[in-house]
C-alpha atoms as a PDB file:
ATOM      1  CA  MET A   1     113.019 126.798  92.380  1.00  0.00           C
ATOM      2  CA  ALA A   2     114.875 126.307  89.421  1.00  0.00           C
ATOM      3  CA  ARG A   3     116.074 123.308  90.148  1.00  0.00           C
ATOM      4  CA  ALA A   4     111.956 122.260  90.088  1.00  0.00           C
ATOM      5  CA  GLY A   5     111.622 124.131  86.693  1.00  0.00           C
ATOM      6  CA  GLY A   6     109.269 126.705  88.731  1.00  0.00           C
ATOM      7  CA  ARG A   7     106.809 123.561  88.985  1.00  0.00           C
ATOM      8  CA  CYS A   8     105.347 122.276  92.291  1.00  0.00           C
ATOM      9  CA  GLU A   9     107.419 119.104  93.083  1.00  0.00           C
ATOM     10  CA  ALA A  10     104.705 117.316  95.196  1.00  0.00           C
ATOM     11  CA  ALA A  11     102.844 114.319  93.692  1.00  0.00           C
ATOM     12  CA  ALA A  12      99.841 115.421  91.826  1.00  0.00           C
ATOM     13  CA  PHE A  13      97.640 111.915  92.980  1.00  0.00           C
ATOM     14  CA  ILE A  14      99.160 110.388  96.465  1.00  0.00           C
ATOM     15  CA  TRP A  15     102.452 108.811  94.652  1.00  0.00           C
ATOM     16  CA  PHE A  16     101.066 109.131  90.500  1.00  0.00           C
ATOM     17  CA  GLY A  17     102.925 111.815  88.788  1.00  0.00           C
ATOM     18  CA  ARG A  18     103.079 115.889  89.668  1.00  0.00           C
ATOM     19  CA  CYS A  19     101.457 118.751  90.585  1.00  0.00           C
ATOM     20  CA  ASN A  20     101.129 120.500  87.707  1.00  0.00           C
ATOM     21  CA  ARG A  21     100.624 124.155  89.779  1.00  0.00           C
ATOM     22  CA  PRO A  22     103.474 126.609  89.563  1.00  0.00           C
ATOM     23  CA  ALA A  23     105.858 126.376  92.810  1.00  0.00           C
ATOM     24  CA  ALA A  24     105.115 129.434  95.130  1.00  0.00           C
ATOM     25  CA  GLU A  25     107.870 128.373  98.245  1.00  0.00           C
ATOM     26  CA  ALA A  26     110.833 126.926  99.493  1.00  0.00           C
ATOM     27  CA  ASP A  27     110.279 124.162 102.052  1.00  0.00           C
ATOM     28  CA  HIS A  28     112.163 121.590 103.741  1.00  0.00           C
ATOM     29  CA  VAL A  29     111.635 118.380 102.947  1.00  0.00           C
ATOM     30  CA  TYR A  30     112.241 117.460 106.941  1.00  0.00           C
ATOM     31  CA  PRO A  31     110.990 120.459 108.820  1.00  0.00           C
ATOM     32  CA  TRP A  32     113.208 122.590 110.182  1.00  0.00           C
ATOM     33  CA  SER A  33     111.059 122.621 113.406  1.00  0.00           C
ATOM     34  CA  LYS A  34     112.185 118.938 113.694  1.00  0.00           C
ATOM     35  CA  GLY A  35     115.702 119.312 113.308  1.00  0.00           C
ATOM     36  CA  GLY A  36     115.588 119.332 109.617  1.00  0.00           C
ATOM     37  CA  PRO A  37     118.934 121.495 107.842  1.00  0.00           C
ATOM     38  CA  THR A  38     118.054 124.529 105.418  1.00  0.00           C
ATOM     39  CA  THR A  39     120.274 122.862 102.727  1.00  0.00           C
ATOM     40  CA  PHE A  40     119.630 122.394  99.020  1.00  0.00           C
ATOM     41  CA  MET A  41     119.559 118.471  99.770  1.00  0.00           C
ATOM     42  CA  ASN A  42     116.246 118.996 102.189  1.00  0.00           C
ATOM     43  CA  GLY A  43     114.728 121.468  99.578  1.00  0.00           C
ATOM     44  CA  GLN A  44     111.595 121.187  97.784  1.00  0.00           C
ATOM     45  CA  ALA A  45     109.698 123.767  95.870  1.00  0.00           C
ATOM     46  CA  LEU A  46     106.104 123.872  96.665  1.00  0.00           C
ATOM     47  CA  CYS A  47     102.581 125.314  95.385  1.00  0.00           C
ATOM     48  CA  ARG A  48     100.970 126.921  98.179  1.00  0.00           C
ATOM     49  CA  GLY A  49      98.229 124.183  98.880  1.00  0.00           C
ATOM     50  CA  HIS A  50     100.751 121.465  99.101  1.00  0.00           C
ATOM     51  CA  ASN A  51     103.079 123.477 101.312  1.00  0.00           C
ATOM     52  CA  ARG A  52      99.907 124.267 103.480  1.00  0.00           C
ATOM     53  CA  HIS A  53      98.736 120.849 103.538  1.00  0.00           C
ATOM     54  CA  LYS A  54     102.545 119.084 104.555  1.00  0.00           C
ATOM     55  CA  ALA A  55     103.204 122.014 107.407  1.00  0.00           C
ATOM     56  CA  ALA A  56     105.544 120.534 109.508  1.00  0.00           C
ATOM     57  CA  MET A  57     105.146 116.637 109.218  1.00  0.00           C
ATOM     58  CA  THR A  58     107.912 114.561 108.445  1.00  0.00           C
ATOM     59  CA  PRO A  59     107.557 112.551 105.398  1.00  0.00           C
ATOM     60  CA  PRO A  60     107.425 108.973 105.342  1.00  0.00           C
ATOM     61  CA  TRP A  61     110.057 107.043 103.265  1.00  0.00           C
ATOM     62  CA  TRP A  62     108.072 106.686 100.395  1.00  0.00           C
ATOM     63  CA  TYR A  63     107.401 110.170  99.722  1.00  0.00           C
ATOM     64  CA  VAL A  64     111.452 110.884  99.934  1.00  0.00           C
ATOM     65  CA  VAL A  65     111.741 107.861  97.162  1.00  0.00           C
ATOM     66  CA  LEU A  66     109.118 109.221  94.996  1.00  0.00           C
ATOM     67  CA  LEU A  67     110.645 112.869  95.139  1.00  0.00           C
ATOM     68  CA  GLU A  68     113.826 111.913  94.306  1.00  0.00           C
ATOM     69  CA  ARG A  69     112.572 109.339  91.443  1.00  0.00           C
ATOM     70  CA  ARG A  70     110.097 112.469  90.189  1.00  0.00           C
ATOM     71  CA  ARG A  71     113.503 114.549  90.250  1.00  0.00           C
ATOM     72  CA  ARG A  72     115.130 112.467  87.653  1.00  0.00           C
ATOM     73  CA  SER A  73     112.544 113.215  85.200  1.00  0.00           C
ATOM     74  CA  TYR A  74     112.990 117.394  85.548  1.00  0.00           C
ATOM     75  CA  VAL A  75     116.116 117.987  87.148  1.00  0.00           C
ATOM     76  CA  PRO A  76     119.232 118.608  85.117  1.00  0.00           C
ATOM     77  CA  GLY A  77     122.151 116.131  84.856  1.00  0.00           C
ATOM     78  CA  GLY A  78     124.676 116.686  87.356  1.00  0.00           C
ATOM     79  CA  THR A  79     122.289 118.254  89.868  1.00  0.00           C
ATOM     80  CA  PRO A  80     121.659 116.253  93.030  1.00  0.00           C
ATOM     81  CA  ILE A  81     118.266 114.692  93.218  1.00  0.00           C
ATOM     82  CA  ARG A  82     119.212 113.067  96.215  1.00  0.00           C
ATOM     83  CA  VAL A  83     117.204 114.058  99.749  1.00  0.00           C
ATOM     84  CA  SER A  84     119.279 114.553 102.925  1.00  0.00           C
ATOM     85  CA  ALA A  85     118.442 115.319 106.261  1.00  0.00           C
ATOM     86  CA  ALA A  86     122.410 115.444 107.491  1.00  0.00           C
ATOM     87  CA  LEU A  87     122.623 118.528 109.445  1.00  0.00           C
ATOM     88  CA  SER A  88     126.180 120.718 108.628  1.00  0.00           C
ATOM     89  CA  ASN A  89     128.413 121.518 112.070  1.00  0.00           C
ATOM     90  CA  ARG A  90     126.528 125.345 111.936  1.00  0.00           C
ATOM     91  CA  GLU A  91     122.631 123.784 111.669  1.00  0.00           C
ATOM     92  CA  LYS A  92     123.794 121.488 114.603  1.00  0.00           C
ATOM     93  CA  GLN A  93     125.670 124.724 116.562  1.00  0.00           C
ATOM     94  CA  ARG A  94     122.172 126.669 115.749  1.00  0.00           C
ATOM     95  CA  LYS A  95     120.135 124.178 116.441  1.00  0.00           C
ATOM     96  CA  GLY A  96     121.686 123.556 120.053  1.00  0.00           C
ATOM     97  CA  GLY A  97     123.249 119.972 118.763  1.00  0.00           C
ATOM     98  CA  GLY A  98     120.319 118.723 117.212  1.00  0.00           C
ATOM     99  CA  VAL A  99     120.606 114.658 115.947  1.00  0.00           C
ATOM    100  CA  GLN A 100     121.994 114.187 112.851  1.00  0.00           C
ATOM    101  CA  GLY A 101     119.878 111.955 110.151  1.00  0.00           C
ATOM    102  CA  ARG A 102     120.174 110.949 106.944  1.00  0.00           C
ATOM    103  CA  ILE A 103     117.827 109.448 104.494  1.00  0.00           C
ATOM    104  CA  GLU A 104     119.457 108.015 100.970  1.00  0.00           C
ATOM    105  CA  GLY A 105     117.803 107.407  97.564  1.00  0.00           C
END
């Protein structure tokens, strides 16, 4: 939540701007239920409305690209902005050897 400045990281209007509501929930960009890891690189801060709307949806490529682009404007320098769905060995074991994927931005 701190990386997002306490504000929702979702887009305000499809791809334009940033939601101005307070971040209320931590969310997996790539859903945990679909193999997404619980890591800093796969996390986002969302308001309740955006988190409920997203649910367990896997984001399209453009969502990830635009999220990383928005983060450049508010994340402090040196803090990772890249979204990654790479599973750690611990996560793979916990999920029963799930498939590893990676999204580079």
